[in-house]
Amino acid sequence: MRKRRWSKVVVFTLGLAPLFWLLWRAYNHRLSANPIEFITHYTGDWTLRLIVITLCVTPARRILKRPQLIQYRRMIGLFAFFYASLHFLTYLVIDKFFDWHEILTDIGKRTYITVGFTAFVILTSLAITSTTGWIRRLGGKRWQRLHQLIYLAIVAGVIHYYWSVKSDVRDPILYGFFAAVLLGYRVWVGKSKKTAAPPPLRKSPEPVAR
């Protein structure tokens, strides 16, 4: 039990490490010539990285036969939402200064912002319903179907990143590759389970009374 507690402390500390690094760079005036752009890209990158890591938990626990890895998935997913919130707040507060008219205009006119905002709304709903209480309220199956929206979130996040960059698209393509592999793995596992499932037993027809 103590080992499990300490392992969660380690994961929590690692989740905060990117924020500490960003604060250290800000304190030392090392946020490049365009600090807003740097913070926006930095927090967006970590959002996608953590979503990818969250999606890696399920295949890792199966391949490595470590079912206990599932205990870290919720925490990693919440850190993905945390950095997505910082990403959005950078745009909302530092970039636009709460200019709601301009923000709503951007969301409606700039497709990459619309897609990114969609991903953020999905992550928000998943973060809110990540508790045990919400699992009880929704029921296991409905909760699982809701949380499968994480797949849509990673796709929308990759598209948002790809459309937002002007020239160097290597990073969004890399995230897209990881997303495709992880989603493809889930499709493959789903098909394998259906193939391996035994056919339903059929009742023998009742003999005809003579």
N, C-alpha and C. Protein backbone atom coordinates (compact mmCIF):
# COMPACT_ATOMS: atom_id res chain seq x y z
N MET A 1 0.83 -1.21 0.00
CA MET A 1 0.00 0.00 0.00
C MET A 1 0.87 1.25 0.00
N ARG A 2 1.92 1.23 0.82
CA ARG A 2 2.81 2.39 0.88
C ARG A 2 3.53 2.60 -0.44
N LYS A 3 3.94 1.48 -1.07
CA LYS A 3 4.62 1.57 -2.36
C LYS A 3 3.71 2.20 -3.41
N ARG A 4 2.42 1.82 -3.37
CA ARG A 4 1.45 2.38 -4.31
C ARG A 4 1.28 3.87 -4.10
N ARG A 5 1.25 4.29 -2.82
CA ARG A 5 1.10 5.71 -2.52
C ARG A 5 2.29 6.50 -3.04
N TRP A 6 3.50 5.98 -2.82
CA TRP A 6 4.69 6.69 -3.27
C TRP A 6 4.79 6.74 -4.79
N SER A 7 4.33 5.68 -5.45
CA SER A 7 4.36 5.68 -6.92
C SER A 7 3.44 6.76 -7.47
N LYS A 8 2.30 6.99 -6.81
CA LYS A 8 1.39 8.05 -7.25
C LYS A 8 2.00 9.43 -7.01
N VAL A 9 2.75 9.56 -5.92
CA VAL A 9 3.44 10.83 -5.65
C VAL A 9 4.45 11.11 -6.76
N VAL A 10 5.16 10.07 -7.19
CA VAL A 10 6.14 10.23 -8.26
C VAL A 10 5.45 10.65 -9.56
N VAL A 11 4.34 9.99 -9.90
CA VAL A 11 3.61 10.35 -11.13
C VAL A 11 3.08 11.78 -11.03
N PHE A 12 2.58 12.16 -9.86
CA PHE A 12 2.06 13.52 -9.66
C PHE A 12 3.18 14.55 -9.84
N THR A 13 4.35 14.26 -9.28
CA THR A 13 5.49 15.18 -9.41
C THR A 13 5.94 15.30 -10.86
N LEU A 14 5.97 14.16 -11.56
CA LEU A 14 6.35 14.20 -12.98
C LEU A 14 5.33 14.99 -13.79
N GLY A 15 4.05 14.91 -13.39
CA GLY A 15 3.03 15.66 -14.09
C GLY A 15 3.19 17.16 -13.94
N LEU A 16 3.73 17.59 -12.80
CA LEU A 16 3.95 19.02 -12.56
C LEU A 16 5.28 19.52 -13.11
N ALA A 17 6.18 18.59 -13.44
CA ALA A 17 7.52 18.98 -13.89
C ALA A 17 7.50 19.93 -15.08
N PRO A 18 6.66 19.71 -16.12
CA PRO A 18 6.64 20.67 -17.23
C PRO A 18 6.24 22.09 -16.80
N LEU A 19 5.33 22.18 -15.83
CA LEU A 19 4.93 23.50 -15.34
C LEU A 19 6.09 24.18 -14.61
N PHE A 20 6.80 23.42 -13.77
CA PHE A 20 7.95 23.98 -13.05
C PHE A 20 9.01 24.46 -14.05
N TRP A 21 9.22 23.69 -15.11
CA TRP A 21 10.21 24.06 -16.12
C TRP A 21 9.80 25.34 -16.83
N LEU A 22 8.52 25.47 -17.12
CA LEU A 22 8.01 26.68 -17.77
C LEU A 22 8.18 27.89 -16.85
N LEU A 23 7.87 27.72 -15.57
CA LEU A 23 8.01 28.82 -14.62
C LEU A 23 9.47 29.22 -14.46
N TRP A 24 10.36 28.22 -14.49
CA TRP A 24 11.79 28.52 -14.37
C TRP A 24 12.26 29.33 -15.58
N ARG A 25 11.80 28.95 -16.76
CA ARG A 25 12.17 29.69 -17.97
C ARG A 25 11.61 31.12 -17.92
N ALA A 26 10.38 31.27 -17.42
CA ALA A 26 9.79 32.60 -17.32
C ALA A 26 10.57 33.46 -16.33
N TYR A 27 10.95 32.87 -15.20
CA TYR A 27 11.70 33.60 -14.19
C TYR A 27 13.06 34.07 -14.74
N ASN A 28 13.66 33.26 -15.60
CA ASN A 28 14.97 33.58 -16.16
C ASN A 28 14.88 34.27 -17.53
N HIS A 29 13.67 34.71 -17.88
CA HIS A 29 13.45 35.43 -19.14
C HIS A 29 13.92 34.61 -20.35
N ARG A 30 13.51 33.36 -20.37
CA ARG A 30 13.92 32.47 -21.46
C ARG A 30 12.69 31.89 -22.18
N LEU A 31 11.74 32.77 -22.47
CA LEU A 31 10.53 32.35 -23.17
C LEU A 31 10.55 32.77 -24.64
N SER A 32 11.73 32.97 -25.18
CA SER A 32 11.94 33.34 -26.58
C SER A 32 11.51 34.78 -26.83
N ALA A 33 11.61 35.20 -28.08
CA ALA A 33 11.26 36.58 -28.43
C ALA A 33 9.75 36.81 -28.40
N ASN A 34 8.98 35.72 -28.48
CA ASN A 34 7.51 35.81 -28.44
C ASN A 34 7.00 34.92 -27.31
N PRO A 35 6.95 35.44 -26.07
CA PRO A 35 6.57 34.60 -24.92
C PRO A 35 5.18 33.99 -25.04
N ILE A 36 4.21 34.75 -25.58
CA ILE A 36 2.85 34.22 -25.68
C ILE A 36 2.81 33.01 -26.60
N GLU A 37 3.48 33.11 -27.73
CA GLU A 37 3.53 31.99 -28.67
C GLU A 37 4.25 30.80 -28.05
N PHE A 38 5.33 31.06 -27.31
CA PHE A 38 6.08 29.99 -26.68
C PHE A 38 5.21 29.25 -25.67
N ILE A 39 4.53 29.99 -24.79
CA ILE A 39 3.68 29.36 -23.78
C ILE A 39 2.53 28.60 -24.43
N THR A 40 1.95 29.18 -25.46
CA THR A 40 0.84 28.52 -26.16
C THR A 40 1.27 27.18 -26.74
N HIS A 41 2.40 27.17 -27.44
CA HIS A 41 2.88 25.93 -28.04
C HIS A 41 3.34 24.93 -26.98
N TYR A 42 3.98 25.43 -25.94
CA TYR A 42 4.50 24.55 -24.88
C TYR A 42 3.36 23.81 -24.18
N THR A 43 2.34 24.54 -23.76
CA THR A 43 1.21 23.91 -23.06
C THR A 43 0.41 23.01 -24.00
N GLY A 44 0.29 23.42 -25.27
CA GLY A 44 -0.40 22.57 -26.24
C GLY A 44 0.34 21.26 -26.49
N ASP A 45 1.67 21.35 -26.59
CA ASP A 45 2.49 20.15 -26.77
C ASP A 45 2.29 19.18 -25.62
N TRP A 46 2.32 19.70 -24.40
CA TRP A 46 2.21 18.82 -23.24
C TRP A 46 0.81 18.24 -23.10
N THR A 47 -0.18 18.97 -23.57
CA THR A 47 -1.53 18.41 -23.58
C THR A 47 -1.58 17.17 -24.46
N LEU A 48 -1.05 17.28 -25.68
CA LEU A 48 -1.07 16.14 -26.60
C LEU A 48 -0.18 15.00 -26.10
N ARG A 49 0.98 15.34 -25.55
CA ARG A 49 1.86 14.28 -25.03
C ARG A 49 1.16 13.48 -23.94
N LEU A 50 0.47 14.17 -23.05
CA LEU A 50 -0.17 13.48 -21.92
C LEU A 50 -1.40 12.70 -22.37
N ILE A 51 -2.10 13.19 -23.39
CA ILE A 51 -3.20 12.38 -23.93
C ILE A 51 -2.65 11.10 -24.55
N VAL A 52 -1.55 11.21 -25.27
CA VAL A 52 -0.92 10.03 -25.86
C VAL A 52 -0.49 9.05 -24.76
N ILE A 53 0.13 9.58 -23.69
CA ILE A 53 0.54 8.71 -22.58
C ILE A 53 -0.67 8.05 -21.93
N THR A 54 -1.76 8.81 -21.77
CA THR A 54 -2.99 8.25 -21.20
C THR A 54 -3.48 7.08 -22.05
N LEU A 55 -3.46 7.25 -23.37
CA LEU A 55 -3.91 6.19 -24.26
C LEU A 55 -2.94 5.01 -24.29
N CYS A 56 -1.70 5.24 -23.87
CA CYS A 56 -0.71 4.15 -23.83
C CYS A 56 -0.91 3.22 -22.64
N VAL A 57 -1.64 3.67 -21.62
CA VAL A 57 -1.75 2.90 -20.39
C VAL A 57 -2.41 1.54 -20.65
N THR A 58 -3.52 1.54 -21.38
CA THR A 58 -4.24 0.28 -21.62
C THR A 58 -3.41 -0.74 -22.38
N PRO A 59 -2.80 -0.38 -23.54
CA PRO A 59 -1.96 -1.39 -24.20
C PRO A 59 -0.75 -1.79 -23.37
N ALA A 60 -0.18 -0.85 -22.60
CA ALA A 60 0.99 -1.17 -21.79
C ALA A 60 0.65 -2.20 -20.72
N ARG A 61 -0.51 -2.03 -20.08
CA ARG A 61 -0.86 -2.98 -19.01
C ARG A 61 -1.16 -4.36 -19.57
N ARG A 62 -1.63 -4.42 -20.82
CA ARG A 62 -1.89 -5.72 -21.44
C ARG A 62 -0.61 -6.38 -21.93
N ILE A 63 0.21 -5.59 -22.63
CA ILE A 63 1.43 -6.15 -23.21
C ILE A 63 2.43 -6.53 -22.12
N LEU A 64 2.59 -5.65 -21.11
CA LEU A 64 3.54 -5.91 -20.03
C LEU A 64 2.95 -6.77 -18.92
N LYS A 65 1.64 -7.05 -19.02
CA LYS A 65 0.93 -7.82 -17.98
C LYS A 65 1.08 -7.15 -16.62
N ARG A 66 0.84 -5.84 -16.62
CA ARG A 66 0.89 -5.04 -15.39
C ARG A 66 -0.46 -4.35 -15.20
N PRO A 67 -1.47 -5.06 -14.73
CA PRO A 67 -2.80 -4.45 -14.61
C PRO A 67 -2.83 -3.26 -13.66
N GLN A 68 -1.85 -3.19 -12.74
CA GLN A 68 -1.83 -2.09 -11.78
C GLN A 68 -1.56 -0.73 -12.41
N LEU A 69 -1.09 -0.73 -13.66
CA LEU A 69 -0.83 0.55 -14.34
C LEU A 69 -2.10 1.37 -14.53
N ILE A 70 -3.26 0.70 -14.49
CA ILE A 70 -4.52 1.40 -14.71
C ILE A 70 -4.76 2.49 -13.65
N GLN A 71 -4.15 2.33 -12.46
CA GLN A 71 -4.37 3.28 -11.39
C GLN A 71 -3.81 4.67 -11.70
N TYR A 72 -2.91 4.75 -12.68
CA TYR A 72 -2.30 6.05 -13.02
C TYR A 72 -3.02 6.75 -14.17
N ARG A 73 -3.91 6.05 -14.87
CA ARG A 73 -4.52 6.61 -16.08
C ARG A 73 -5.34 7.86 -15.77
N ARG A 74 -6.12 7.82 -14.72
CA ARG A 74 -6.97 8.97 -14.39
C ARG A 74 -6.12 10.20 -14.08
N MET A 75 -5.05 10.02 -13.29
CA MET A 75 -4.20 11.14 -12.92
C MET A 75 -3.53 11.75 -14.15
N ILE A 76 -3.03 10.89 -15.04
CA ILE A 76 -2.38 11.40 -16.25
C ILE A 76 -3.39 12.14 -17.12
N GLY A 77 -4.60 11.58 -17.23
CA GLY A 77 -5.64 12.24 -18.00
C GLY A 77 -6.00 13.60 -17.44
N LEU A 78 -6.05 13.71 -16.11
CA LEU A 78 -6.35 15.00 -15.48
C LEU A 78 -5.22 16.00 -15.70
N PHE A 79 -3.99 15.53 -15.75
CA PHE A 79 -2.88 16.43 -16.08
C PHE A 79 -2.98 16.91 -17.53
N ALA A 80 -3.45 16.04 -18.42
CA ALA A 80 -3.67 16.47 -19.82
C ALA A 80 -4.70 17.61 -19.84
N PHE A 81 -5.77 17.47 -19.06
CA PHE A 81 -6.77 18.53 -18.98
C PHE A 81 -6.19 19.79 -18.35
N PHE A 82 -5.32 19.62 -17.36
CA PHE A 82 -4.68 20.76 -16.70
C PHE A 82 -3.87 21.59 -17.69
N TYR A 83 -3.06 20.93 -18.51
CA TYR A 83 -2.25 21.67 -19.49
C TYR A 83 -3.11 22.20 -20.64
N ALA A 84 -4.20 21.50 -20.96
CA ALA A 84 -5.14 22.04 -21.95
C ALA A 84 -5.78 23.32 -21.41
N SER A 85 -6.07 23.35 -20.11
CA SER A 85 -6.64 24.56 -19.50
C SER A 85 -5.64 25.70 -19.53
N LEU A 86 -4.37 25.41 -19.24
CA LEU A 86 -3.34 26.45 -19.33
C LEU A 86 -3.21 26.95 -20.76
N HIS A 87 -3.30 26.03 -21.71
CA HIS A 87 -3.24 26.39 -23.13
C HIS A 87 -4.37 27.34 -23.49
N PHE A 88 -5.58 27.00 -23.06
CA PHE A 88 -6.75 27.82 -23.35
C PHE A 88 -6.68 29.16 -22.62
N LEU A 89 -6.24 29.14 -21.36
CA LEU A 89 -6.15 30.38 -20.58
C LEU A 89 -5.09 31.32 -21.15
N THR A 90 -4.04 30.76 -21.72
CA THR A 90 -3.03 31.61 -22.37
C THR A 90 -3.67 32.39 -23.50
N TYR A 91 -4.48 31.71 -24.27
CA TYR A 91 -5.19 32.37 -25.38
C TYR A 91 -6.23 33.35 -24.84
N LEU A 92 -6.98 32.93 -23.83
CA LEU A 92 -8.09 33.73 -23.32
C LEU A 92 -7.62 34.98 -22.58
N VAL A 93 -6.60 34.82 -21.71
CA VAL A 93 -6.20 35.91 -20.81
C VAL A 93 -5.04 36.71 -21.38
N ILE A 94 -3.95 36.03 -21.72
CA ILE A 94 -2.73 36.74 -22.11
C ILE A 94 -2.82 37.26 -23.54
N ASP A 95 -3.37 36.43 -24.43
CA ASP A 95 -3.42 36.82 -25.83
C ASP A 95 -4.58 37.76 -26.13
N LYS A 96 -5.78 37.42 -25.65
CA LYS A 96 -6.99 38.19 -26.01
C LYS A 96 -7.48 39.12 -24.91
N PHE A 97 -6.94 39.03 -23.71
CA PHE A 97 -7.35 39.92 -22.60
C PHE A 97 -8.87 39.92 -22.40
N PHE A 98 -9.48 38.74 -22.42
CA PHE A 98 -10.92 38.58 -22.20
C PHE A 98 -11.77 39.37 -23.19
N ASP A 99 -11.27 39.58 -24.37
CA ASP A 99 -12.06 40.24 -25.41
C ASP A 99 -13.00 39.20 -26.01
N TRP A 100 -14.20 39.06 -25.39
CA TRP A 100 -15.11 37.98 -25.76
C TRP A 100 -15.59 38.09 -27.20
N HIS A 101 -15.78 39.30 -27.67
CA HIS A 101 -16.22 39.47 -29.06
C HIS A 101 -15.18 38.90 -30.03
N GLU A 102 -13.92 39.23 -29.80
CA GLU A 102 -12.85 38.72 -30.67
C GLU A 102 -12.69 37.21 -30.50
N ILE A 103 -12.84 36.72 -29.27
CA ILE A 103 -12.70 35.29 -29.02
C ILE A 103 -13.79 34.51 -29.75
N LEU A 104 -15.04 34.95 -29.62
CA LEU A 104 -16.14 34.26 -30.30
C LEU A 104 -16.01 34.35 -31.81
N THR A 105 -15.51 35.49 -32.29
CA THR A 105 -15.27 35.63 -33.72
C THR A 105 -14.21 34.64 -34.19
N ASP A 106 -13.13 34.50 -33.39
CA ASP A 106 -12.06 33.55 -33.73
C ASP A 106 -12.60 32.12 -33.78
N ILE A 107 -13.39 31.76 -32.75
CA ILE A 107 -13.92 30.40 -32.67
C ILE A 107 -14.80 30.11 -33.88
N GLY A 108 -15.56 31.12 -34.31
CA GLY A 108 -16.46 30.92 -35.45
C GLY A 108 -15.78 30.96 -36.80
N LYS A 109 -14.71 31.75 -36.94
CA LYS A 109 -14.10 31.97 -38.25
C LYS A 109 -12.84 31.15 -38.48
N ARG A 110 -12.03 31.00 -37.47
CA ARG A 110 -10.77 30.27 -37.64
C ARG A 110 -11.00 28.80 -37.33
N THR A 111 -10.92 27.98 -38.36
CA THR A 111 -11.28 26.56 -38.21
C THR A 111 -10.41 25.86 -37.18
N TYR A 112 -9.12 26.17 -37.15
CA TYR A 112 -8.23 25.47 -36.22
C TYR A 112 -8.57 25.80 -34.77
N ILE A 113 -9.07 27.02 -34.51
CA ILE A 113 -9.49 27.38 -33.15
C ILE A 113 -10.79 26.66 -32.80
N THR A 114 -11.70 26.56 -33.77
CA THR A 114 -12.95 25.84 -33.54
C THR A 114 -12.68 24.38 -33.17
N VAL A 115 -11.77 23.75 -33.91
CA VAL A 115 -11.43 22.35 -33.65
C VAL A 115 -10.74 22.21 -32.29
N GLY A 116 -9.83 23.14 -31.99
CA GLY A 116 -9.14 23.10 -30.71
C GLY A 116 -10.09 23.31 -29.55
N PHE A 117 -11.04 24.23 -29.71
CA PHE A 117 -12.02 24.47 -28.65
C PHE A 117 -12.90 23.24 -28.45
N THR A 118 -13.23 22.55 -29.54
CA THR A 118 -14.00 21.31 -29.43
C THR A 118 -13.25 20.28 -28.59
N ALA A 119 -11.95 20.13 -28.85
CA ALA A 119 -11.13 19.20 -28.07
C ALA A 119 -11.11 19.59 -26.60
N PHE A 120 -11.03 20.89 -26.31
CA PHE A 120 -11.01 21.35 -24.93
C PHE A 120 -12.33 21.06 -24.22
N VAL A 121 -13.45 21.26 -24.92
CA VAL A 121 -14.76 20.96 -24.33
C VAL A 121 -14.86 19.47 -23.99
N ILE A 122 -14.36 18.62 -24.89
CA ILE A 122 -14.38 17.18 -24.64
C ILE A 122 -13.55 16.84 -23.40
N LEU A 123 -12.33 17.39 -23.33
CA LEU A 123 -11.47 17.10 -22.18
C LEU A 123 -12.10 17.61 -20.89
N THR A 124 -12.79 18.73 -20.95
CA THR A 124 -13.47 19.26 -19.76
C THR A 124 -14.54 18.30 -19.28
N SER A 125 -15.35 17.80 -20.21
CA SER A 125 -16.40 16.86 -19.83
C SER A 125 -15.83 15.57 -19.25
N LEU A 126 -14.70 15.11 -19.80
CA LEU A 126 -14.07 13.89 -19.29
C LEU A 126 -13.47 14.12 -17.91
N ALA A 127 -12.89 15.29 -17.69
CA ALA A 127 -12.32 15.60 -16.38
C ALA A 127 -13.41 15.68 -15.31
N ILE A 128 -14.52 16.32 -15.64
CA ILE A 128 -15.62 16.47 -14.68
C ILE A 128 -16.19 15.11 -14.30
N THR A 129 -16.32 14.21 -15.27
CA THR A 129 -16.96 12.91 -15.02
C THR A 129 -15.96 11.81 -14.70
N SER A 130 -14.76 12.17 -14.30
CA SER A 130 -13.72 11.15 -14.06
C SER A 130 -13.80 10.53 -12.67
N THR A 131 -14.69 11.03 -11.83
CA THR A 131 -14.76 10.55 -10.45
C THR A 131 -15.60 9.28 -10.33
N THR A 132 -15.42 8.59 -9.21
CA THR A 132 -16.19 7.38 -8.94
C THR A 132 -17.68 7.69 -8.84
N GLY A 133 -18.00 8.86 -8.29
CA GLY A 133 -19.39 9.25 -8.19
C GLY A 133 -20.08 9.33 -9.54
N TRP A 134 -19.36 9.88 -10.54
CA TRP A 134 -19.95 9.97 -11.88
C TRP A 134 -20.06 8.60 -12.53
N ILE A 135 -19.16 7.69 -12.22
CA ILE A 135 -19.28 6.33 -12.75
C ILE A 135 -20.57 5.69 -12.24
N ARG A 136 -20.87 5.92 -10.94
CA ARG A 136 -22.11 5.37 -10.36
C ARG A 136 -23.34 6.03 -10.98
N ARG A 137 -23.28 7.36 -11.19
CA ARG A 137 -24.44 8.06 -11.75
C ARG A 137 -24.74 7.62 -13.18
N LEU A 138 -23.68 7.49 -13.98
CA LEU A 138 -23.87 7.17 -15.40
C LEU A 138 -24.01 5.68 -15.67
N GLY A 139 -23.45 4.88 -14.75
CA GLY A 139 -23.39 3.45 -15.02
C GLY A 139 -22.13 3.13 -15.80
N GLY A 140 -21.59 1.95 -15.58
CA GLY A 140 -20.30 1.60 -16.17
C GLY A 140 -20.26 1.70 -17.68
N LYS A 141 -21.27 1.16 -18.36
CA LYS A 141 -21.25 1.14 -19.83
C LYS A 141 -21.37 2.54 -20.41
N ARG A 142 -22.30 3.33 -19.89
CA ARG A 142 -22.46 4.70 -20.41
C ARG A 142 -21.24 5.54 -20.11
N TRP A 143 -20.63 5.32 -18.94
CA TRP A 143 -19.43 6.07 -18.58
C TRP A 143 -18.29 5.72 -19.54
N GLN A 144 -18.15 4.44 -19.86
CA GLN A 144 -17.11 4.03 -20.80
C GLN A 144 -17.34 4.61 -22.18
N ARG A 145 -18.58 4.62 -22.64
CA ARG A 145 -18.87 5.20 -23.95
C ARG A 145 -18.55 6.69 -23.98
N LEU A 146 -18.89 7.38 -22.87
CA LEU A 146 -18.58 8.81 -22.80
C LEU A 146 -17.08 9.04 -22.87
N HIS A 147 -16.32 8.23 -22.13
CA HIS A 147 -14.87 8.44 -22.06
C HIS A 147 -14.14 7.94 -23.30
N GLN A 148 -14.83 7.29 -24.20
CA GLN A 148 -14.23 6.97 -25.49
C GLN A 148 -14.10 8.22 -26.36
N LEU A 149 -14.70 9.33 -25.91
CA LEU A 149 -14.52 10.60 -26.61
C LEU A 149 -13.08 11.08 -26.56
N ILE A 150 -12.25 10.46 -25.70
CA ILE A 150 -10.84 10.81 -25.67
C ILE A 150 -10.21 10.59 -27.04
N TYR A 151 -10.74 9.61 -27.80
CA TYR A 151 -10.22 9.35 -29.14
C TYR A 151 -10.51 10.53 -30.06
N LEU A 152 -11.70 11.09 -29.94
CA LEU A 152 -12.05 12.27 -30.74
C LEU A 152 -11.21 13.47 -30.31
N ALA A 153 -10.94 13.56 -29.00
CA ALA A 153 -10.14 14.68 -28.48
C ALA A 153 -8.73 14.67 -29.06
N ILE A 154 -8.09 13.50 -29.12
CA ILE A 154 -6.72 13.44 -29.63
C ILE A 154 -6.70 13.74 -31.12
N VAL A 155 -7.70 13.27 -31.86
CA VAL A 155 -7.77 13.56 -33.30
C VAL A 155 -7.97 15.06 -33.51
N ALA A 156 -8.90 15.65 -32.76
CA ALA A 156 -9.15 17.10 -32.89
C ALA A 156 -7.93 17.90 -32.48
N GLY A 157 -7.22 17.44 -31.44
CA GLY A 157 -6.02 18.14 -30.99
C GLY A 157 -4.92 18.13 -32.03
N VAL A 158 -4.74 16.99 -32.68
CA VAL A 158 -3.72 16.88 -33.73
C VAL A 158 -4.08 17.78 -34.91
N ILE A 159 -5.35 17.76 -35.31
CA ILE A 159 -5.78 18.62 -36.43
C ILE A 159 -5.60 20.09 -36.07
N HIS A 160 -5.97 20.45 -34.85
CA HIS A 160 -5.80 21.83 -34.37
C HIS A 160 -4.35 22.26 -34.47
N TYR A 161 -3.45 21.39 -34.05
CA TYR A 161 -2.02 21.71 -34.08
C TYR A 161 -1.53 21.82 -35.52
N TYR A 162 -1.93 20.86 -36.36
CA TYR A 162 -1.48 20.83 -37.75
C TYR A 162 -1.92 22.09 -38.49
N TRP A 163 -3.16 22.50 -38.29
CA TRP A 163 -3.68 23.68 -38.99
C TRP A 163 -3.15 24.99 -38.43
N SER A 164 -2.68 24.96 -37.18
CA SER A 164 -2.24 26.21 -36.55
C SER A 164 -0.79 26.57 -36.90
N VAL A 165 0.03 25.54 -37.22
CA VAL A 165 1.41 25.83 -37.57
C VAL A 165 1.50 26.28 -39.02
N LYS A 166 2.48 27.11 -39.30
CA LYS A 166 2.57 27.70 -40.64
C LYS A 166 3.47 26.90 -41.58
N SER A 167 4.53 26.31 -41.04
CA SER A 167 5.46 25.64 -41.95
C SER A 167 5.92 24.29 -41.42
N ASP A 168 6.48 24.26 -40.21
CA ASP A 168 7.04 23.03 -39.67
C ASP A 168 5.93 22.16 -39.07
N VAL A 169 5.54 21.11 -39.79
CA VAL A 169 4.43 20.26 -39.34
C VAL A 169 4.93 18.93 -38.79
N ARG A 170 6.22 18.84 -38.48
CA ARG A 170 6.77 17.56 -38.03
C ARG A 170 6.14 17.10 -36.71
N ASP A 171 5.99 18.02 -35.76
CA ASP A 171 5.44 17.62 -34.46
C ASP A 171 4.00 17.15 -34.56
N PRO A 172 3.09 17.91 -35.20
CA PRO A 172 1.72 17.40 -35.30
C PRO A 172 1.63 16.08 -36.06
N ILE A 173 2.49 15.89 -37.06
CA ILE A 173 2.48 14.61 -37.79
C ILE A 173 2.93 13.48 -36.86
N LEU A 174 3.93 13.76 -36.01
CA LEU A 174 4.39 12.75 -35.06
C LEU A 174 3.28 12.37 -34.08
N TYR A 175 2.59 13.39 -33.54
CA TYR A 175 1.47 13.10 -32.63
C TYR A 175 0.38 12.33 -33.37
N GLY A 176 0.14 12.70 -34.62
CA GLY A 176 -0.85 11.99 -35.42
C GLY A 176 -0.49 10.54 -35.62
N PHE A 177 0.81 10.28 -35.80
CA PHE A 177 1.27 8.90 -35.98
C PHE A 177 0.99 8.08 -34.71
N PHE A 178 1.35 8.64 -33.55
CA PHE A 178 1.11 7.92 -32.28
C PHE A 178 -0.39 7.70 -32.07
N ALA A 179 -1.19 8.72 -32.38
CA ALA A 179 -2.64 8.59 -32.22
C ALA A 179 -3.18 7.48 -33.13
N ALA A 180 -2.70 7.43 -34.38
CA ALA A 180 -3.16 6.42 -35.32
C ALA A 180 -2.78 5.01 -34.84
N VAL A 181 -1.56 4.86 -34.32
CA VAL A 181 -1.12 3.55 -33.82
C VAL A 181 -1.97 3.11 -32.64
N LEU A 182 -2.22 4.02 -31.70
CA LEU A 182 -2.97 3.67 -30.50
C LEU A 182 -4.44 3.38 -30.80
N LEU A 183 -5.02 4.15 -31.69
CA LEU A 183 -6.41 3.89 -32.08
C LEU A 183 -6.50 2.61 -32.91
N GLY A 184 -5.51 2.40 -33.79
CA GLY A 184 -5.48 1.17 -34.57
C GLY A 184 -5.34 -0.06 -33.68
N TYR A 185 -4.55 0.05 -32.62
CA TYR A 185 -4.40 -1.07 -31.67
C TYR A 185 -5.74 -1.42 -31.05
N ARG A 186 -6.51 -0.40 -30.68
CA ARG A 186 -7.81 -0.65 -30.05
C ARG A 186 -8.79 -1.29 -31.03
N VAL A 187 -8.75 -0.86 -32.27
CA VAL A 187 -9.61 -1.48 -33.29
C VAL A 187 -9.23 -2.94 -33.46
N TRP A 188 -7.93 -3.21 -33.51
CA TRP A 188 -7.44 -4.58 -33.68
C TRP A 188 -7.85 -5.47 -32.50
N VAL A 189 -7.72 -4.94 -31.27
CA VAL A 189 -8.11 -5.72 -30.09
C VAL A 189 -9.61 -5.99 -30.11
N GLY A 190 -10.39 -4.96 -30.49
CA GLY A 190 -11.83 -5.15 -30.54
C GLY A 190 -12.23 -6.23 -31.53
N LYS A 191 -11.61 -6.24 -32.71
CA LYS A 191 -11.91 -7.26 -33.71
C LYS A 191 -11.44 -8.63 -33.26
N SER A 192 -10.29 -8.68 -32.57
CA SER A 192 -9.77 -9.97 -32.09
C SER A 192 -10.72 -10.58 -31.06
N LYS A 193 -11.27 -9.74 -30.20
CA LYS A 193 -12.21 -10.25 -29.19
C LYS A 193 -13.46 -10.81 -29.83
N LYS A 194 -13.95 -10.11 -30.86
CA LYS A 194 -15.15 -10.59 -31.54
C LYS A 194 -14.88 -11.92 -32.25
N THR A 195 -13.68 -12.04 -32.84
CA THR A 195 -13.32 -13.27 -33.54
C THR A 195 -13.16 -14.44 -32.58
N ALA A 196 -12.56 -14.13 -31.40
CA ALA A 196 -12.28 -15.19 -30.43
C ALA A 196 -13.51 -15.60 -29.64
N ALA A 197 -14.53 -14.75 -29.62
CA ALA A 197 -15.71 -15.06 -28.82
C ALA A 197 -16.42 -16.28 -29.39
N PRO A 198 -16.80 -17.23 -28.53
CA PRO A 198 -17.50 -18.43 -29.03
C PRO A 198 -18.89 -18.07 -29.54
N PRO A 199 -19.36 -18.76 -30.54
CA PRO A 199 -20.70 -18.45 -31.06
C PRO A 199 -21.75 -18.76 -30.01
N PRO A 200 -22.86 -18.03 -30.01
CA PRO A 200 -23.89 -18.27 -29.01
C PRO A 200 -24.48 -19.66 -29.18
N LEU A 201 -24.76 -20.28 -28.04
CA LEU A 201 -25.33 -21.63 -28.06
C LEU A 201 -26.76 -21.58 -28.57
N ARG A 202 -27.06 -22.49 -29.44
CA ARG A 202 -28.42 -22.58 -29.96
C ARG A 202 -29.13 -23.77 -29.32
N LYS A 203 -30.33 -23.52 -28.95
CA LYS A 203 -31.10 -24.61 -28.37
C LYS A 203 -31.45 -25.63 -29.45
N SER A 204 -31.34 -26.88 -29.07
CA SER A 204 -31.72 -27.93 -30.02
C SER A 204 -33.22 -27.87 -30.25
N PRO A 205 -33.64 -28.04 -31.47
CA PRO A 205 -35.07 -27.98 -31.74
C PRO A 205 -35.82 -29.09 -31.00
N GLU A 206 -36.96 -28.74 -30.47
CA GLU A 206 -37.77 -29.74 -29.76
C GLU A 206 -38.30 -30.77 -30.77
N PRO A 207 -38.25 -32.01 -30.38
CA PRO A 207 -38.80 -33.04 -31.30
C PRO A 207 -40.27 -32.81 -31.54
N VAL A 208 -40.68 -33.07 -32.76
CA VAL A 208 -42.07 -32.90 -33.11
C VAL A 208 -42.89 -34.02 -32.53
N ALA A 209 -43.92 -33.68 -31.84
CA ALA A 209 -44.77 -34.71 -31.24
C ALA A 209 -45.44 -35.51 -32.34
N ARG A 210 -45.40 -36.80 -32.17
CA ARG A 210 -46.00 -37.66 -33.18
C ARG A 210 -47.25 -38.33 -32.56
